[in-house]
Amino acid sequence: MQTTRPLLVLGTRPEAIKMAPIIHECQQRADIDPVVCFTGQHREMVAQVAEYFGFRNDPRFDRRCFRHAPYKRS
């Protein structure tokens, strides 16, 4: 059987709370290996929720590659 690796992207605290049961279920199943990615939008608040529910950001995405670009007027 092939393992499915869904990418689960979280940006805000409410998103992390809503996704926690889905992440937990994916972690319990042998045929699913979830990849969790925090966008960095509310990094500290999402990290607190993740710690509480027992999941973490995939280290491959911990480079703050989703930083907001400064607004430039044209």
PDB file of N, CA and C in Angstrom:
ATOM      1  N   MET A   1       0.841  -1.173   0.000  1.00  0.00           N
ATOM      2  CA  MET A   1       0.000   0.000   0.000  1.00  0.00           C
ATOM      3  C   MET A   1       0.892   1.245   0.000  1.00  0.00           C
ATOM      4  N   GLN A   2       0.512   2.228  -0.798  1.00  0.00           N
ATOM      5  CA  GLN A   2       1.288   3.462  -0.894  1.00  0.00           C
ATOM      6  C   GLN A   2       0.811   4.465   0.159  1.00  0.00           C
ATOM      7  N   THR A   3       1.764   5.178   0.761  1.00  0.00           N
ATOM      8  CA  THR A   3       1.441   6.182   1.767  1.00  0.00           C
ATOM      9  C   THR A   3       1.121   7.508   1.094  1.00  0.00           C
ATOM     10  N   THR A   4       0.026   8.119   1.516  1.00  0.00           N
ATOM     11  CA  THR A   4      -0.370   9.436   1.025  1.00  0.00           C
ATOM     12  C   THR A   4       0.260  10.491   1.915  1.00  0.00           C
ATOM     13  N   ARG A   5       0.806  11.566   1.308  1.00  0.00           N
ATOM     14  CA  ARG A   5       1.452  12.629   2.080  1.00  0.00           C
ATOM     15  C   ARG A   5       0.777  13.963   1.787  1.00  0.00           C
ATOM     16  N   PRO A   6      -0.358  14.251   2.417  1.00  0.00           N
ATOM     17  CA  PRO A   6      -1.027  15.525   2.166  1.00  0.00           C
ATOM     18  C   PRO A   6      -0.260  16.681   2.803  1.00  0.00           C
ATOM     19  N   LEU A   7      -0.242  17.808   2.116  1.00  0.00           N
ATOM     20  CA  LEU A   7       0.364  19.027   2.652  1.00  0.00           C
ATOM     21  C   LEU A   7      -0.738  19.825   3.329  1.00  0.00           C
ATOM     22  N   LEU A   8      -0.622  20.024   4.636  1.00  0.00           N
ATOM     23  CA  LEU A   8      -1.614  20.752   5.422  1.00  0.00           C
ATOM     24  C   LEU A   8      -1.004  22.090   5.817  1.00  0.00           C
ATOM     25  N   VAL A   9      -1.541  23.175   5.264  1.00  0.00           N
ATOM     26  CA  VAL A   9      -0.972  24.507   5.447  1.00  0.00           C
ATOM     27  C   VAL A   9      -1.819  25.282   6.448  1.00  0.00           C
ATOM     28  N   LEU A  10      -1.148  25.826   7.482  1.00  0.00           N
ATOM     29  CA  LEU A  10      -1.817  26.577   8.543  1.00  0.00           C
ATOM     30  C   LEU A  10      -1.224  27.972   8.625  1.00  0.00           C
ATOM     31  N   GLY A  11      -2.081  28.976   8.716  1.00  0.00           N
ATOM     32  CA  GLY A  11      -1.579  30.337   8.804  1.00  0.00           C
ATOM     33  C   GLY A  11      -1.979  31.042  10.083  1.00  0.00           C
ATOM     34  N   THR A  12      -3.197  30.778  10.544  1.00  0.00           N
ATOM     35  CA  THR A  12      -3.709  31.502  11.703  1.00  0.00           C
ATOM     36  C   THR A  12      -4.070  30.533  12.820  1.00  0.00           C
ATOM     37  N   ARG A  13      -4.240  31.078  14.007  1.00  0.00           N
ATOM     38  CA  ARG A  13      -4.607  30.271  15.169  1.00  0.00           C
ATOM     39  C   ARG A  13      -5.938  29.547  14.949  1.00  0.00           C
ATOM     40  N   PRO A  14      -6.988  30.243  14.459  1.00  0.00           N
ATOM     41  CA  PRO A  14      -8.248  29.528  14.218  1.00  0.00           C
ATOM     42  C   PRO A  14      -8.105  28.383  13.208  1.00  0.00           C
ATOM     43  N   GLU A  15      -7.278  28.575  12.190  1.00  0.00           N
ATOM     44  CA  GLU A  15      -7.050  27.495  11.222  1.00  0.00           C
ATOM     45  C   GLU A  15      -6.390  26.299  11.901  1.00  0.00           C
ATOM     46  N   ALA A  16      -5.426  26.563  12.763  1.00  0.00           N
ATOM     47  CA  ALA A  16      -4.725  25.483  13.468  1.00  0.00           C
ATOM     48  C   ALA A  16      -5.683  24.715  14.374  1.00  0.00           C
ATOM     49  N   ILE A  17      -6.571  25.429  15.052  1.00  0.00           N
ATOM     50  CA  ILE A  17      -7.543  24.778  15.935  1.00  0.00           C
ATOM     51  C   ILE A  17      -8.496  23.907  15.119  1.00  0.00           C
ATOM     52  N   LYS A  18      -8.963  24.433  13.991  1.00  0.00           N
ATOM     53  CA  LYS A  18      -9.893  23.673  13.148  1.00  0.00           C
ATOM     54  C   LYS A  18      -9.226  22.465  12.492  1.00  0.00           C
ATOM     55  N   MET A  19      -7.953  22.587  12.162  1.00  0.00           N
ATOM     56  CA  MET A  19      -7.238  21.499  11.488  1.00  0.00           C
ATOM     57  C   MET A  19      -6.689  20.451  12.453  1.00  0.00           C
ATOM     58  N   ALA A  20      -6.614  20.757  13.746  1.00  0.00           N
ATOM     59  CA  ALA A  20      -6.023  19.839  14.723  1.00  0.00           C
ATOM     60  C   ALA A  20      -6.642  18.441  14.684  1.00  0.00           C
ATOM     61  N   PRO A  21      -7.974  18.297  14.656  1.00  0.00           N
ATOM     62  CA  PRO A  21      -8.529  16.935  14.597  1.00  0.00           C
ATOM     63  C   PRO A  21      -8.177  16.199  13.300  1.00  0.00           C
ATOM     64  N   ILE A  22      -8.084  16.932  12.209  1.00  0.00           N
ATOM     65  CA  ILE A  22      -7.731  16.323  10.923  1.00  0.00           C
ATOM     66  C   ILE A  22      -6.279  15.851  10.950  1.00  0.00           C
ATOM     67  N   ILE A  23      -5.390  16.699  11.482  1.00  0.00           N
ATOM     68  CA  ILE A  23      -3.977  16.330  11.598  1.00  0.00           C
ATOM     69  C   ILE A  23      -3.829  15.108  12.499  1.00  0.00           C
ATOM     70  N   HIS A  24      -4.545  15.121  13.622  1.00  0.00           N
ATOM     71  CA  HIS A  24      -4.483  13.999  14.560  1.00  0.00           C
ATOM     72  C   HIS A  24      -4.935  12.700  13.883  1.00  0.00           C
ATOM     73  N   GLU A  25      -6.040  12.759  13.156  1.00  0.00           N
ATOM     74  CA  GLU A  25      -6.543  11.564  12.468  1.00  0.00           C
ATOM     75  C   GLU A  25      -5.542  11.069  11.428  1.00  0.00           C
ATOM     76  N   CYS A  26      -4.952  11.991  10.684  1.00  0.00           N
ATOM     77  CA  CYS A  26      -3.941  11.608   9.685  1.00  0.00           C
ATOM     78  C   CYS A  26      -2.747  10.936  10.345  1.00  0.00           C
ATOM     79  N   GLN A  27      -2.337  11.445  11.502  1.00  0.00           N
ATOM     80  CA  GLN A  27      -1.189  10.873  12.207  1.00  0.00           C
ATOM     81  C   GLN A  27      -1.486   9.468  12.728  1.00  0.00           C
ATOM     82  N   GLN A  28      -2.755   9.171  13.007  1.00  0.00           N
ATOM     83  CA  GLN A  28      -3.134   7.863  13.543  1.00  0.00           C
ATOM     84  C   GLN A  28      -3.220   6.785  12.469  1.00  0.00           C
ATOM     85  N   ARG A  29      -3.408   7.199  11.228  1.00  0.00           N
ATOM     86  CA  ARG A  29      -3.580   6.240  10.136  1.00  0.00           C
ATOM     87  C   ARG A  29      -2.237   5.842   9.534  1.00  0.00           C
ATOM     88  N   ALA A  30      -2.072   4.562   9.274  1.00  0.00           N
ATOM     89  CA  ALA A  30      -0.809   4.057   8.723  1.00  0.00           C
ATOM     90  C   ALA A  30      -0.615   4.441   7.262  1.00  0.00           C
ATOM     91  N   ASP A  31      -1.715   4.707   6.548  1.00  0.00           N
ATOM     92  CA  ASP A  31      -1.618   5.002   5.118  1.00  0.00           C
ATOM     93  C   ASP A  31      -1.500   6.491   4.805  1.00  0.00           C
ATOM     94  N   ILE A  32      -1.436   7.333   5.850  1.00  0.00           N
ATOM     95  CA  ILE A  32      -1.317   8.783   5.653  1.00  0.00           C
ATOM     96  C   ILE A  32      -0.166   9.313   6.496  1.00  0.00           C
ATOM     97  N   ASP A  33       0.714  10.082   5.868  1.00  0.00           N
ATOM     98  CA  ASP A  33       1.837  10.728   6.551  1.00  0.00           C
ATOM     99  C   ASP A  33       1.727  12.230   6.286  1.00  0.00           C
ATOM    100  N   PRO A  34       1.032  12.976   7.161  1.00  0.00           N
ATOM    101  CA  PRO A  34       0.790  14.389   6.880  1.00  0.00           C
ATOM    102  C   PRO A  34       2.054  15.242   6.966  1.00  0.00           C
ATOM    103  N   VAL A  35       2.121  16.233   6.091  1.00  0.00           N
ATOM    104  CA  VAL A  35       3.197  17.223   6.104  1.00  0.00           C
ATOM    105  C   VAL A  35       2.547  18.535   6.529  1.00  0.00           C
ATOM    106  N   VAL A  36       2.916  19.037   7.708  1.00  0.00           N
ATOM    107  CA  VAL A  36       2.308  20.249   8.254  1.00  0.00           C
ATOM    108  C   VAL A  36       3.232  21.432   7.999  1.00  0.00           C
ATOM    109  N   CYS A  37       2.662  22.500   7.479  1.00  0.00           N
ATOM    110  CA  CYS A  37       3.432  23.695   7.140  1.00  0.00           C
ATOM    111  C   CYS A  37       2.763  24.923   7.741  1.00  0.00           C
ATOM    112  N   PHE A  38       3.515  25.686   8.533  1.00  0.00           N
ATOM    113  CA  PHE A  38       3.019  26.961   9.062  1.00  0.00           C
ATOM    114  C   PHE A  38       3.467  28.063   8.108  1.00  0.00           C
ATOM    115  N   THR A  39       2.565  28.960   7.755  1.00  0.00           N
ATOM    116  CA  THR A  39       2.931  30.039   6.832  1.00  0.00           C
ATOM    117  C   THR A  39       3.716  31.148   7.516  1.00  0.00           C
ATOM    118  N   GLY A  40       3.625  31.244   8.828  1.00  0.00           N
ATOM    119  CA  GLY A  40       4.320  32.304   9.541  1.00  0.00           C
ATOM    120  C   GLY A  40       3.451  33.519   9.781  1.00  0.00           C
ATOM    121  N   GLN A  41       2.197  33.461   9.328  1.00  0.00           N
ATOM    122  CA  GLN A  41       1.299  34.604   9.489  1.00  0.00           C
ATOM    123  C   GLN A  41       1.108  34.940  10.966  1.00  0.00           C
ATOM    124  N   HIS A  42       0.780  33.954  11.781  1.00  0.00           N
ATOM    125  CA  HIS A  42       0.664  34.118  13.235  1.00  0.00           C
ATOM    126  C   HIS A  42       1.520  33.040  13.883  1.00  0.00           C
ATOM    127  N   ARG A  43       2.796  33.068  13.599  1.00  0.00           N
ATOM    128  CA  ARG A  43       3.723  31.988  13.950  1.00  0.00           C
ATOM    129  C   ARG A  43       3.661  31.589  15.426  1.00  0.00           C
ATOM    130  N   GLU A  44       3.727  32.536  16.331  1.00  0.00           N
ATOM    131  CA  GLU A  44       3.769  32.204  17.761  1.00  0.00           C
ATOM    132  C   GLU A  44       2.455  31.588  18.227  1.00  0.00           C
ATOM    133  N   MET A  45       1.335  32.156  17.786  1.00  0.00           N
ATOM    134  CA  MET A  45       0.033  31.637  18.212  1.00  0.00           C
ATOM    135  C   MET A  45      -0.222  30.244  17.640  1.00  0.00           C
ATOM    136  N   VAL A  46       0.163  30.023  16.388  1.00  0.00           N
ATOM    137  CA  VAL A  46      -0.010  28.701  15.778  1.00  0.00           C
ATOM    138  C   VAL A  46       0.892  27.686  16.478  1.00  0.00           C
ATOM    139  N   ALA A  47       2.097  28.082  16.835  1.00  0.00           N
ATOM    140  CA  ALA A  47       3.020  27.177  17.533  1.00  0.00           C
ATOM    141  C   ALA A  47       2.453  26.755  18.889  1.00  0.00           C
ATOM    142  N   GLN A  48       1.786  27.676  19.587  1.00  0.00           N
ATOM    143  CA  GLN A  48       1.166  27.340  20.873  1.00  0.00           C
ATOM    144  C   GLN A  48       0.057  26.304  20.691  1.00  0.00           C
ATOM    145  N   VAL A  49      -0.765  26.501  19.676  1.00  0.00           N
ATOM    146  CA  VAL A  49      -1.847  25.554  19.395  1.00  0.00           C
ATOM    147  C   VAL A  49      -1.264  24.198  19.006  1.00  0.00           C
ATOM    148  N   ALA A  50      -0.241  24.211  18.172  1.00  0.00           N
ATOM    149  CA  ALA A  50       0.390  22.967  17.732  1.00  0.00           C
ATOM    150  C   ALA A  50       0.969  22.198  18.919  1.00  0.00           C
ATOM    151  N   GLU A  51       1.604  22.908  19.824  1.00  0.00           N
ATOM    152  CA  GLU A  51       2.163  22.249  21.009  1.00  0.00           C
ATOM    153  C   GLU A  51       1.051  21.627  21.851  1.00  0.00           C
ATOM    154  N   TYR A  52      -0.035  22.358  22.025  1.00  0.00           N
ATOM    155  CA  TYR A  52      -1.159  21.867  22.822  1.00  0.00           C
ATOM    156  C   TYR A  52      -1.749  20.586  22.223  1.00  0.00           C
ATOM    157  N   PHE A  53      -1.908  20.570  20.891  1.00  0.00           N
ATOM    158  CA  PHE A  53      -2.532  19.427  20.227  1.00  0.00           C
ATOM    159  C   PHE A  53      -1.530  18.353  19.791  1.00  0.00           C
ATOM    160  N   GLY A  54      -0.249  18.606  19.953  1.00  0.00           N
ATOM    161  CA  GLY A  54       0.758  17.585  19.702  1.00  0.00           C
ATOM    162  C   GLY A  54       1.174  17.393  18.259  1.00  0.00           C
ATOM    163  N   PHE A  55       1.204  18.459  17.477  1.00  0.00           N
ATOM    164  CA  PHE A  55       1.768  18.366  16.134  1.00  0.00           C
ATOM    165  C   PHE A  55       2.759  19.495  15.956  1.00  0.00           C
ATOM    166  N   ARG A  56       3.579  19.406  14.902  1.00  0.00           N
ATOM    167  CA  ARG A  56       4.584  20.444  14.698  1.00  0.00           C
ATOM    168  C   ARG A  56       4.791  20.712  13.215  1.00  0.00           C
ATOM    169  N   ASN A  57       5.422  21.833  12.962  1.00  0.00           N
ATOM    170  CA  ASN A  57       5.763  22.241  11.611  1.00  0.00           C
ATOM    171  C   ASN A  57       6.816  21.293  11.045  1.00  0.00           C
ATOM    172  N   ASP A  58       6.661  20.917   9.791  1.00  0.00           N
ATOM    173  CA  ASP A  58       7.676  20.092   9.135  1.00  0.00           C
ATOM    174  C   ASP A  58       8.956  20.921   9.024  1.00  0.00           C
ATOM    175  N   PRO A  59      10.105  20.406   9.476  1.00  0.00           N
ATOM    176  CA  PRO A  59      11.348  21.196   9.471  1.00  0.00           C
ATOM    177  C   PRO A  59      11.763  21.699   8.088  1.00  0.00           C
ATOM    178  N   ARG A  60      11.336  21.019   7.040  1.00  0.00           N
ATOM    179  CA  ARG A  60      11.678  21.477   5.685  1.00  0.00           C
ATOM    180  C   ARG A  60      11.034  22.816   5.344  1.00  0.00           C
ATOM    181  N   PHE A  61       9.972  23.164   6.073  1.00  0.00           N
ATOM    182  CA  PHE A  61       9.280  24.420   5.810  1.00  0.00           C
ATOM    183  C   PHE A  61       9.561  25.469   6.874  1.00  0.00           C
ATOM    184  N   ASP A  62      10.567  25.261   7.695  1.00  0.00           N
ATOM    185  CA  ASP A  62      10.860  26.187   8.792  1.00  0.00           C
ATOM    186  C   ASP A  62      11.920  27.207   8.390  1.00  0.00           C
ATOM    187  N   ARG A  63      11.777  27.754   7.216  1.00  0.00           N
ATOM    188  CA  ARG A  63      12.749  28.737   6.737  1.00  0.00           C
ATOM    189  C   ARG A  63      12.110  30.099   6.519  1.00  0.00           C
ATOM    190  N   ARG A  64      10.920  30.254   7.017  1.00  0.00           N
ATOM    191  CA  ARG A  64      10.169  31.501   6.855  1.00  0.00           C
ATOM    192  C   ARG A  64      10.111  31.937   5.394  1.00  0.00           C
ATOM    193  N   CYS A  65       9.893  30.964   4.530  1.00  0.00           N
ATOM    194  CA  CYS A  65       9.845  31.264   3.102  1.00  0.00           C
ATOM    195  C   CYS A  65       8.540  31.944   2.714  1.00  0.00           C
ATOM    196  N   PHE A  66       7.607  32.031   3.643  1.00  0.00           N
ATOM    197  CA  PHE A  66       6.329  32.657   3.347  1.00  0.00           C
ATOM    198  C   PHE A  66       6.240  34.067   3.927  1.00  0.00           C
ATOM    199  N   ARG A  67       7.372  34.716   4.089  1.00  0.00           N
ATOM    200  CA  ARG A  67       7.368  36.072   4.647  1.00  0.00           C
ATOM    201  C   ARG A  67       6.578  37.016   3.760  1.00  0.00           C
ATOM    202  N   HIS A  68       5.943  37.969   4.400  1.00  0.00           N
ATOM    203  CA  HIS A  68       5.209  38.981   3.654  1.00  0.00           C
ATOM    204  C   HIS A  68       6.195  39.955   3.028  1.00  0.00           C
ATOM    205  N   ALA A  69       6.001  40.236   1.770  1.00  0.00           N
ATOM    206  CA  ALA A  69       6.856  41.207   1.085  1.00  0.00           C
ATOM    207  C   ALA A  69       6.387  42.610   1.432  1.00  0.00           C
ATOM    208  N   PRO A  70       7.309  43.553   1.550  1.00  0.00           N
ATOM    209  CA  PRO A  70       6.899  44.928   1.838  1.00  0.00           C
ATOM    210  C   PRO A  70       6.084  45.488   0.678  1.00  0.00           C
ATOM    211  N   TYR A  71       5.123  46.303   1.022  1.00  0.00           N
ATOM    212  CA  TYR A  71       4.265  46.916   0.011  1.00  0.00           C
ATOM    213  C   TYR A  71       5.055  47.969  -0.748  1.00  0.00           C
ATOM    214  N   LYS A  72       4.991  47.911  -2.061  1.00  0.00           N
ATOM    215  CA  LYS A  72       5.690  48.894  -2.893  1.00  0.00           C
ATOM    216  C   LYS A  72       4.668  49.609  -3.762  1.00  0.00           C
ATOM    217  N   ARG A  73       4.688  50.902  -3.698  1.00  0.00           N
ATOM    218  CA  ARG A  73       3.793  51.683  -4.551  1.00  0.00           C
ATOM    219  C   ARG A  73       4.423  51.831  -5.922  1.00  0.00           C
ATOM    220  N   SER A  74       3.604  51.736  -6.941  1.00  0.00           N
ATOM    221  CA  SER A  74       4.159  51.907  -8.285  1.00  0.00           C
ATOM    222  C   SER A  74       3.903  53.292  -8.823  1.00  0.00           C
TER     223      SER A  74
END
